C-alpha atoms as a PDB file:
ATOM      1  CA  UNK A   1      10.167  11.500   3.726  1.00  0.00           C
ATOM      2  CA  UNK A   2      11.910  10.890   6.993  1.00  0.00           C
ATOM      3  CA  UNK A   3      13.567   7.553   7.563  1.00  0.00           C
ATOM      4  CA  UNK A   4      11.402   6.922  10.641  1.00  0.00           C
ATOM      5  CA  UNK A   5       8.187   7.485   8.677  1.00  0.00           C
ATOM      6  CA  UNK A   6       9.331   5.317   5.806  1.00  0.00           C
ATOM      7  CA  UNK A   7      10.533   2.540   8.097  1.00  0.00           C
ATOM      8  CA  UNK A   8       7.131   2.456   9.815  1.00  0.00           C
ATOM      9  CA  UNK A   9       5.497   1.599   6.466  1.00  0.00           C
ATOM     10  CA  UNK A  10       7.457  -1.671   6.154  1.00  0.00           C
ATOM     11  CA  UNK A  11       6.944  -4.900   8.066  1.00  0.00           C
ATOM     12  CA  UNK A  12       9.023  -8.088   8.001  1.00  0.00           C
ATOM     13  CA  UNK A  13       7.110 -11.363   7.921  1.00  0.00           C
ATOM     14  CA  UNK A  14       9.123 -14.434   6.946  1.00  0.00           C
ATOM     15  CA  UNK A  15       7.476 -16.980   4.675  1.00  0.00           C
ATOM     16  CA  UNK A  16       6.530 -20.413   5.983  1.00  0.00           C
ATOM     17  CA  UNK A  17       9.854 -21.818   4.791  1.00  0.00           C
ATOM     18  CA  UNK A  18      11.751 -19.089   6.673  1.00  0.00           C
ATOM     19  CA  UNK A  19      12.810 -17.143   3.579  1.00  0.00           C
ATOM     20  CA  UNK A  20      12.688 -13.353   3.953  1.00  0.00           C
ATOM     21  CA  UNK A  21       9.585 -11.375   3.051  1.00  0.00           C
ATOM     22  CA  UNK A  22       9.106  -7.635   3.437  1.00  0.00           C
ATOM     23  CA  UNK A  23       5.662  -6.070   3.064  1.00  0.00           C
ATOM     24  CA  UNK A  24       5.061  -2.373   2.406  1.00  0.00           C
ATOM     25  CA  UNK A  25       2.097  -0.119   3.126  1.00  0.00           C
ATOM     26  CA  UNK A  26       2.154   1.527  -0.313  1.00  0.00           C
ATOM     27  CA  UNK A  27      -0.612   4.073   0.402  1.00  0.00           C
ATOM     28  CA  UNK A  28       1.258   5.226   3.527  1.00  0.00           C
ATOM     29  CA  UNK A  29       4.487   5.592   1.557  1.00  0.00           C
ATOM     30  CA  UNK A  30       2.652   7.568  -1.150  1.00  0.00           C
ATOM     31  CA  UNK A  31       1.032   9.868   1.456  1.00  0.00           C
ATOM     32  CA  UNK A  32       4.423  10.499   3.089  1.00  0.00           C
ATOM     33  CA  UNK A  33       6.054  11.261  -0.253  1.00  0.00           C
ATOM     34  CA  UNK A  34       3.238  13.592  -1.352  1.00  0.00           C
ATOM     35  CA  UNK A  35       3.334  15.431   2.001  1.00  0.00           C
ATOM     36  CA  UNK A  36       7.096  15.904   1.604  1.00  0.00           C
ATOM     37  CA  UNK A  37       6.411  17.447  -1.811  1.00  0.00           C
ATOM     38  CA  UNK A  38       3.944  19.910  -0.298  1.00  0.00           C
ATOM     39  CA  UNK A  39       0.661  18.226  -1.208  1.00  0.00           C
ATOM     40  CA  UNK A  40      -1.659  19.402   1.563  1.00  0.00           C
ATOM     41  CA  UNK A  41      -4.593  17.035   1.083  1.00  0.00           C
ATOM     42  CA  UNK A  42      -4.568  13.383   0.031  1.00  0.00           C
ATOM     43  CA  UNK A  43      -7.674  11.206   0.195  1.00  0.00           C
ATOM     44  CA  UNK A  44      -8.303   7.512  -0.340  1.00  0.00           C
ATOM     45  CA  UNK A  45      -5.877   4.645  -0.015  1.00  0.00           C
ATOM     46  CA  UNK A  46      -7.256   3.389   3.294  1.00  0.00           C
ATOM     47  CA  UNK A  47      -8.591   0.093   1.942  1.00  0.00           C
ATOM     48  CA  UNK A  48      -6.738  -3.203   2.279  1.00  0.00           C
ATOM     49  CA  UNK A  49      -6.645  -5.409  -0.826  1.00  0.00           C
ATOM     50  CA  UNK A  50      -5.955  -8.510   1.278  1.00  0.00           C
ATOM     51  CA  UNK A  51      -8.474  -7.917   4.068  1.00  0.00           C
ATOM     52  CA  UNK A  52     -11.356  -6.784   1.853  1.00  0.00           C
ATOM     53  CA  UNK A  53     -11.892  -9.773  -0.432  1.00  0.00           C
ATOM     54  CA  UNK A  54     -15.393  -8.662  -1.453  1.00  0.00           C
ATOM     55  CA  UNK A  55     -14.006  -5.374  -2.785  1.00  0.00           C
ATOM     56  CA  UNK A  56     -10.636  -6.333  -4.322  1.00  0.00           C
ATOM     57  CA  UNK A  57      -9.009  -9.099  -6.326  1.00  0.00           C
ATOM     58  CA  UNK A  58      -5.707 -10.323  -4.908  1.00  0.00           C
ATOM     59  CA  UNK A  59      -3.639 -12.892  -6.768  1.00  0.00           C
ATOM     60  CA  UNK A  60      -1.398 -13.358  -3.739  1.00  0.00           C
ATOM     61  CA  UNK A  61      -4.407 -13.930  -1.506  1.00  0.00           C
ATOM     62  CA  UNK A  62      -6.622 -15.993  -3.851  1.00  0.00           C
ATOM     63  CA  UNK A  63      -4.275 -17.480  -6.447  1.00  0.00           C
ATOM     64  CA  UNK A  64      -6.528 -16.278  -9.272  1.00  0.00           C
ATOM     65  CA  UNK A  65      -6.522 -13.076 -11.269  1.00  0.00           C
ATOM     66  CA  UNK A  66      -8.877 -10.149 -11.628  1.00  0.00           C
ATOM     67  CA  UNK A  67      -8.480  -6.550 -12.615  1.00  0.00           C
ATOM     68  CA  UNK A  68      -7.853  -3.480 -10.490  1.00  0.00           C
ATOM     69  CA  UNK A  69      -7.420   0.125 -11.579  1.00  0.00           C
ATOM     70  CA  UNK A  70      -6.427   3.267  -9.709  1.00  0.00           C
ATOM     71  CA  UNK A  71      -6.470   6.933 -10.620  1.00  0.00           C
ATOM     72  CA  UNK A  72      -4.739  10.068  -9.392  1.00  0.00           C
ATOM     73  CA  UNK A  73      -6.193  13.499 -10.115  1.00  0.00           C
ATOM     74  CA  UNK A  74      -5.340  16.991  -8.869  1.00  0.00           C
ATOM     75  CA  UNK A  75      -8.045  18.940  -7.044  1.00  0.00           C
ATOM     76  CA  UNK A  76      -8.567  22.526  -8.124  1.00  0.00           C
END
């Protein structure tokens, strides 16, 4: 993964009190890493757990818990 590609997946947004806070686009980082390993096709990972409240639980967004699962499987 090139440093430019990896750097583009991070954003700095300070908290309300000014303390540092870095956010990462984890699906983008995973796609970059898989591409670097030679994986030609990757699907999924385009949803946003914060922006799509009807689809995903987010403790950081809502302050309450739920359950979320993910799976990775090779395609033949």
